[in-house]
Amino acid sequence: QKEDMVTAKKTSPITTPIASQATIPTTMPKQQVPDQGIPHEMKILHQQIADLQKQLADKDALYKRAVADYINLEKRVEDQARKRIQLAVATFIGQLLEPLKNLELQFEHTKDAVAGVILKQMKQTFDQAGVKEVGREGDDFTSQTMEAIEMTEGPAGKVIKVLEKGYVLDWVVIKPARVIVGKAK
């Protein structure tokens, strides 16, 4: 029996010195067996990738459109705020035009030095605010900034005489000029 055990120990792969010293790779290279299911699975994966790329492109386009819409909204809000401010300034300046007209008339008749200084200061303030006078003699008549009160002989389409000065602030007509316009014979 001892002999059988010794023989068994010698032939046992665990206890044999050759088996314990041999290097056996832990991962054996797998043999690639052509699988008929892989091409179909690859097609599905490629289709899923294409679908995801399309979804990403759609989301990206929506995002860009939303950003552009937001930028446009900001510009519109800024523009509306600027127009409201201009309209408020134009309204206020419009209220100052009657006292300015009265001051001009007083200065024309009296040549008072104090009235002249105040008149000059008011005109400088208007200039600084961007208020421009419209409707001078010899200017072309424009219906956007002038009212034709009468037509008389003279150069066609030209302002012959200014009855009342007009004023504009940027795009806002504060007061249209009242003028006499020339017409051809």
C-alpha atoms as a PDB file:
ATOM      1  CA  GLN A   1       0.000   0.000   0.000  1.00  0.00           C
ATOM      2  CA  LYS A   2       2.826   2.345   0.768  1.00  0.00           C
ATOM      3  CA  GLU A   3       4.116   1.759  -2.682  1.00  0.00           C
ATOM      4  CA  ASP A   4       0.753   2.615  -4.220  1.00  0.00           C
ATOM      5  CA  MET A   5       0.628   5.825  -2.242  1.00  0.00           C
ATOM      6  CA  VAL A   6       4.127   6.776  -3.315  1.00  0.00           C
ATOM      7  CA  THR A   7       3.281   5.994  -6.914  1.00  0.00           C
ATOM      8  CA  ALA A   8       0.059   7.928  -6.596  1.00  0.00           C
ATOM      9  CA  LYS A   9       1.917  10.896  -5.128  1.00  0.00           C
ATOM     10  CA  LYS A  10       4.406  10.808  -7.962  1.00  0.00           C
ATOM     11  CA  THR A  11       1.709  10.683 -10.647  1.00  0.00           C
ATOM     12  CA  SER A  12      -0.585  13.235  -8.993  1.00  0.00           C
ATOM     13  CA  PRO A  13      -0.377  16.528 -10.869  1.00  0.00           C
ATOM     14  CA  ILE A  14      -0.666  18.551  -7.686  1.00  0.00           C
ATOM     15  CA  THR A  15       2.222  17.017  -5.844  1.00  0.00           C
ATOM     16  CA  THR A  16       4.570  16.312  -8.683  1.00  0.00           C
ATOM     17  CA  PRO A  17       7.508  18.679  -8.815  1.00  0.00           C
ATOM     18  CA  ILE A  18       7.180  19.076 -12.575  1.00  0.00           C
ATOM     19  CA  ALA A  19       3.552  20.190 -12.330  1.00  0.00           C
ATOM     20  CA  SER A  20       4.241  22.713  -9.559  1.00  0.00           C
ATOM     21  CA  GLN A  21       7.155  24.274 -11.413  1.00  0.00           C
ATOM     22  CA  ALA A  22       5.512  24.439 -14.821  1.00  0.00           C
ATOM     23  CA  THR A  23       4.176  27.837 -15.933  1.00  0.00           C
ATOM     24  CA  ILE A  24       0.679  27.549 -17.182  1.00  0.00           C
ATOM     25  CA  PRO A  25      -0.797  30.751 -18.538  1.00  0.00           C
ATOM     26  CA  THR A  26      -3.806  31.901 -16.535  1.00  0.00           C
ATOM     27  CA  THR A  27      -5.636  33.263 -19.566  1.00  0.00           C
ATOM     28  CA  MET A  28      -5.580  31.221 -22.637  1.00  0.00           C
ATOM     29  CA  PRO A  29      -6.277  33.002 -25.930  1.00  0.00           C
ATOM     30  CA  LYS A  30      -9.852  32.419 -26.879  1.00  0.00           C
ATOM     31  CA  GLN A  31     -10.437  30.952 -30.213  1.00  0.00           C
ATOM     32  CA  GLN A  32     -12.670  33.263 -32.192  1.00  0.00           C
ATOM     33  CA  VAL A  33     -15.520  31.280 -33.442  1.00  0.00           C
ATOM     34  CA  PRO A  34     -17.432  33.122 -36.125  1.00  0.00           C
ATOM     35  CA  ASP A  35     -20.761  33.969 -34.552  1.00  0.00           C
ATOM     36  CA  GLN A  36     -23.551  34.642 -36.948  1.00  0.00           C
ATOM     37  CA  GLY A  37     -25.323  36.923 -34.334  1.00  0.00           C
ATOM     38  CA  ILE A  38     -22.537  39.539 -34.070  1.00  0.00           C
ATOM     39  CA  PRO A  39     -23.121  41.300 -37.409  1.00  0.00           C
ATOM     40  CA  HIS A  40     -26.793  41.661 -36.528  1.00  0.00           C
ATOM     41  CA  GLU A  41     -25.909  42.986 -33.067  1.00  0.00           C
ATOM     42  CA  MET A  42     -23.423  45.405 -34.653  1.00  0.00           C
ATOM     43  CA  LYS A  43     -26.113  46.678 -36.999  1.00  0.00           C
ATOM     44  CA  ILE A  44     -28.399  47.282 -34.037  1.00  0.00           C
ATOM     45  CA  LEU A  45     -25.627  49.091 -32.136  1.00  0.00           C
ATOM     46  CA  HIS A  46     -24.768  51.217 -35.168  1.00  0.00           C
ATOM     47  CA  GLN A  47     -28.441  52.103 -35.586  1.00  0.00           C
ATOM     48  CA  GLN A  48     -28.676  53.051 -31.896  1.00  0.00           C
ATOM     49  CA  ILE A  49     -25.564  55.224 -32.241  1.00  0.00           C
ATOM     50  CA  ALA A  50     -27.020  56.924 -35.315  1.00  0.00           C
ATOM     51  CA  ASP A  51     -30.319  57.513 -33.468  1.00  0.00           C
ATOM     52  CA  LEU A  52     -28.490  58.996 -30.480  1.00  0.00           C
ATOM     53  CA  GLN A  53     -26.409  61.232 -32.752  1.00  0.00           C
ATOM     54  CA  LYS A  54     -29.586  62.464 -34.444  1.00  0.00           C
ATOM     55  CA  GLN A  55     -31.203  63.122 -31.065  1.00  0.00           C
ATOM     56  CA  LEU A  56     -28.083  65.017 -29.966  1.00  0.00           C
ATOM     57  CA  ALA A  57     -28.102  67.096 -33.156  1.00  0.00           C
ATOM     58  CA  ASP A  58     -31.815  67.868 -32.659  1.00  0.00           C
ATOM     59  CA  LYS A  59     -31.261  68.876 -29.021  1.00  0.00           C
ATOM     60  CA  ASP A  60     -28.252  70.961 -30.063  1.00  0.00           C
ATOM     61  CA  ALA A  61     -30.346  72.763 -32.694  1.00  0.00           C
ATOM     62  CA  LEU A  62     -33.106  73.393 -30.139  1.00  0.00           C
ATOM     63  CA  TYR A  63     -30.543  74.720 -27.676  1.00  0.00           C
ATOM     64  CA  LYS A  64     -29.033  77.070 -30.262  1.00  0.00           C
ATOM     65  CA  ARG A  65     -32.493  78.293 -31.273  1.00  0.00           C
ATOM     66  CA  ALA A  66     -33.406  78.907 -27.620  1.00  0.00           C
ATOM     67  CA  VAL A  67     -30.190  80.873 -27.060  1.00  0.00           C
ATOM     68  CA  ALA A  68     -30.809  82.931 -30.221  1.00  0.00           C
ATOM     69  CA  ASP A  69     -34.419  83.593 -29.158  1.00  0.00           C
ATOM     70  CA  TYR A  70     -33.220  84.698 -25.718  1.00  0.00           C
ATOM     71  CA  ILE A  71     -30.627  87.052 -27.213  1.00  0.00           C
ATOM     72  CA  ASN A  72     -33.301  88.510 -29.521  1.00  0.00           C
ATOM     73  CA  LEU A  73     -35.633  88.940 -26.552  1.00  0.00           C
ATOM     74  CA  GLU A  74     -32.935  90.783 -24.613  1.00  0.00           C
ATOM     75  CA  LYS A  75     -32.358  93.106 -27.573  1.00  0.00           C
ATOM     76  CA  ARG A  76     -36.105  93.734 -27.945  1.00  0.00           C
ATOM     77  CA  VAL A  77     -36.482  94.522 -24.244  1.00  0.00           C
ATOM     78  CA  GLU A  78     -33.492  96.890 -24.359  1.00  0.00           C
ATOM     79  CA  ASP A  79     -34.858  98.556 -27.488  1.00  0.00           C
ATOM     80  CA  GLN A  80     -38.310  98.983 -25.944  1.00  0.00           C
ATOM     81  CA  ALA A  81     -36.800 100.434 -22.766  1.00  0.00           C
ATOM     82  CA  ARG A  82     -34.696 102.867 -24.821  1.00  0.00           C
ATOM     83  CA  LYS A  83     -37.782 103.902 -26.844  1.00  0.00           C
ATOM     84  CA  ARG A  84     -39.817 104.446 -23.661  1.00  0.00           C
ATOM     85  CA  ILE A  85     -37.070 106.658 -22.265  1.00  0.00           C
ATOM     86  CA  GLN A  86     -36.854 108.609 -25.530  1.00  0.00           C
ATOM     87  CA  LEU A  87     -40.616 109.027 -25.577  1.00  0.00           C
ATOM     88  CA  ALA A  88     -40.631 110.290 -21.978  1.00  0.00           C
ATOM     89  CA  VAL A  89     -37.810 112.727 -22.768  1.00  0.00           C
ATOM     90  CA  ALA A  90     -39.606 113.841 -25.943  1.00  0.00           C
ATOM     91  CA  THR A  91     -42.807 114.423 -23.993  1.00  0.00           C
ATOM     92  CA  PHE A  92     -40.972 116.479 -21.378  1.00  0.00           C
ATOM     93  CA  ILE A  93     -39.144 118.515 -24.016  1.00  0.00           C
ATOM     94  CA  GLY A  94     -42.443 119.045 -25.823  1.00  0.00           C
ATOM     95  CA  GLN A  95     -43.782 120.663 -22.656  1.00  0.00           C
ATOM     96  CA  LEU A  96     -40.788 123.021 -22.603  1.00  0.00           C
ATOM     97  CA  LEU A  97     -41.282 124.178 -26.200  1.00  0.00           C
ATOM     98  CA  GLU A  98     -44.071 126.677 -25.417  1.00  0.00           C
ATOM     99  CA  PRO A  99     -42.007 128.507 -22.761  1.00  0.00           C
ATOM    100  CA  LEU A 100     -39.046 128.446 -25.198  1.00  0.00           C
ATOM    101  CA  LYS A 101     -41.209 129.995 -27.924  1.00  0.00           C
ATOM    102  CA  ASN A 102     -42.413 132.693 -25.523  1.00  0.00           C
ATOM    103  CA  LEU A 103     -38.843 133.404 -24.450  1.00  0.00           C
ATOM    104  CA  GLU A 104     -37.746 133.728 -28.097  1.00  0.00           C
ATOM    105  CA  LEU A 105     -40.589 136.176 -28.770  1.00  0.00           C
ATOM    106  CA  GLN A 106     -39.700 138.232 -25.689  1.00  0.00           C
ATOM    107  CA  PHE A 107     -36.047 138.352 -26.710  1.00  0.00           C
ATOM    108  CA  GLU A 108     -36.943 139.403 -30.292  1.00  0.00           C
ATOM    109  CA  HIS A 109     -39.036 142.319 -29.028  1.00  0.00           C
ATOM    110  CA  THR A 110     -37.057 143.472 -26.005  1.00  0.00           C
ATOM    111  CA  LYS A 111     -33.475 142.335 -26.745  1.00  0.00           C
ATOM    112  CA  ASP A 112     -33.203 141.777 -22.990  1.00  0.00           C
ATOM    113  CA  ALA A 113     -29.722 140.448 -22.125  1.00  0.00           C
ATOM    114  CA  VAL A 114     -31.045 138.161 -19.365  1.00  0.00           C
ATOM    115  CA  ALA A 115     -33.617 136.617 -21.688  1.00  0.00           C
ATOM    116  CA  GLY A 116     -30.840 136.140 -24.276  1.00  0.00           C
ATOM    117  CA  VAL A 117     -28.640 134.262 -21.779  1.00  0.00           C
ATOM    118  CA  ILE A 118     -31.526 132.033 -20.664  1.00  0.00           C
ATOM    119  CA  LEU A 119     -32.502 131.385 -24.297  1.00  0.00           C
ATOM    120  CA  LYS A 120     -28.913 130.408 -25.146  1.00  0.00           C
ATOM    121  CA  GLN A 121     -28.743 128.039 -22.134  1.00  0.00           C
ATOM    122  CA  MET A 122     -32.022 126.366 -23.072  1.00  0.00           C
ATOM    123  CA  LYS A 123     -30.890 125.832 -26.667  1.00  0.00           C
ATOM    124  CA  GLN A 124     -27.583 124.354 -25.458  1.00  0.00           C
ATOM    125  CA  THR A 125     -29.495 122.002 -23.158  1.00  0.00           C
ATOM    126  CA  PHE A 126     -31.706 120.916 -26.046  1.00  0.00           C
ATOM    127  CA  ASP A 127     -28.635 120.345 -28.245  1.00  0.00           C
ATOM    128  CA  GLN A 128     -26.997 118.225 -25.534  1.00  0.00           C
ATOM    129  CA  ALA A 129     -30.178 116.161 -25.221  1.00  0.00           C
ATOM    130  CA  GLY A 130     -30.125 115.506 -28.993  1.00  0.00           C
ATOM    131  CA  VAL A 131     -33.081 117.716 -29.879  1.00  0.00           C
ATOM    132  CA  LYS A 132     -32.814 119.050 -33.416  1.00  0.00           C
ATOM    133  CA  GLU A 133     -34.720 121.876 -35.058  1.00  0.00           C
ATOM    134  CA  VAL A 134     -36.479 121.011 -38.338  1.00  0.00           C
ATOM    135  CA  GLY A 135     -38.119 123.097 -41.022  1.00  0.00           C
ATOM    136  CA  ARG A 136     -35.714 125.852 -41.986  1.00  0.00           C
ATOM    137  CA  GLU A 137     -36.272 128.027 -45.029  1.00  0.00           C
ATOM    138  CA  GLY A 138     -34.797 126.413 -48.148  1.00  0.00           C
ATOM    139  CA  ASP A 139     -35.006 122.853 -46.755  1.00  0.00           C
ATOM    140  CA  ASP A 140     -36.780 120.140 -48.699  1.00  0.00           C
ATOM    141  CA  PHE A 141     -40.294 119.549 -47.443  1.00  0.00           C
ATOM    142  CA  THR A 142     -40.759 116.194 -45.658  1.00  0.00           C
ATOM    143  CA  SER A 143     -44.153 115.163 -44.407  1.00  0.00           C
ATOM    144  CA  GLN A 144     -42.591 113.128 -41.571  1.00  0.00           C
ATOM    145  CA  THR A 145     -41.323 116.247 -39.769  1.00  0.00           C
ATOM    146  CA  MET A 146     -43.348 119.127 -41.275  1.00  0.00           C
ATOM    147  CA  GLU A 147     -46.919 120.246 -41.839  1.00  0.00           C
ATOM    148  CA  ALA A 148     -47.617 122.227 -45.004  1.00  0.00           C
ATOM    149  CA  ILE A 149     -49.974 125.009 -44.011  1.00  0.00           C
ATOM    150  CA  GLU A 150     -50.008 126.680 -47.392  1.00  0.00           C
ATOM    151  CA  MET A 151     -48.490 126.363 -50.855  1.00  0.00           C
ATOM    152  CA  THR A 152     -47.230 129.349 -52.799  1.00  0.00           C
ATOM    153  CA  GLU A 153     -45.150 130.102 -55.850  1.00  0.00           C
ATOM    154  CA  GLY A 154     -41.533 129.177 -55.434  1.00  0.00           C
ATOM    155  CA  PRO A 155     -39.121 126.277 -55.796  1.00  0.00           C
ATOM    156  CA  ALA A 156     -41.194 123.100 -55.846  1.00  0.00           C
ATOM    157  CA  GLY A 157     -40.994 121.043 -52.670  1.00  0.00           C
ATOM    158  CA  LYS A 158     -38.893 123.616 -50.785  1.00  0.00           C
ATOM    159  CA  VAL A 159     -39.775 125.391 -47.542  1.00  0.00           C
ATOM    160  CA  ILE A 160     -40.517 129.007 -48.439  1.00  0.00           C
ATOM    161  CA  LYS A 161     -41.353 130.287 -44.952  1.00  0.00           C
ATOM    162  CA  VAL A 162     -41.373 128.788 -41.456  1.00  0.00           C
ATOM    163  CA  LEU A 163     -44.450 129.695 -39.442  1.00  0.00           C
ATOM    164  CA  GLU A 164     -43.511 127.590 -36.394  1.00  0.00           C
ATOM    165  CA  LYS A 165     -40.283 125.722 -35.772  1.00  0.00           C
ATOM    166  CA  GLY A 166     -40.392 121.957 -35.468  1.00  0.00           C
ATOM    167  CA  TYR A 167     -38.309 119.702 -33.219  1.00  0.00           C
ATOM    168  CA  VAL A 168     -37.250 116.045 -33.349  1.00  0.00           C
ATOM    169  CA  LEU A 169     -35.422 113.803 -30.916  1.00  0.00           C
ATOM    170  CA  ASP A 170     -33.821 110.858 -32.697  1.00  0.00           C
ATOM    171  CA  TRP A 171     -36.793 109.103 -34.322  1.00  0.00           C
ATOM    172  CA  VAL A 172     -39.493 110.949 -32.317  1.00  0.00           C
ATOM    173  CA  VAL A 173     -41.119 114.041 -33.774  1.00  0.00           C
ATOM    174  CA  ILE A 174     -41.704 116.249 -30.754  1.00  0.00           C
ATOM    175  CA  LYS A 175     -43.420 118.966 -32.736  1.00  0.00           C
ATOM    176  CA  PRO A 176     -43.763 119.139 -36.528  1.00  0.00           C
ATOM    177  CA  ALA A 177     -42.691 122.356 -38.202  1.00  0.00           C
ATOM    178  CA  ARG A 178     -45.513 124.396 -39.702  1.00  0.00           C
ATOM    179  CA  VAL A 179     -44.350 125.736 -43.047  1.00  0.00           C
ATOM    180  CA  ILE A 180     -45.328 127.275 -46.346  1.00  0.00           C
ATOM    181  CA  VAL A 181     -44.150 125.132 -49.254  1.00  0.00           C
ATOM    182  CA  GLY A 182     -43.272 126.208 -52.784  1.00  0.00           C
ATOM    183  CA  LYS A 183     -45.034 124.845 -55.823  1.00  0.00           C
ATOM    184  CA  ALA A 184     -44.191 125.016 -59.478  1.00  0.00           C
ATOM    185  CA  LYS A 185     -46.010 127.543 -61.635  1.00  0.00           C
END
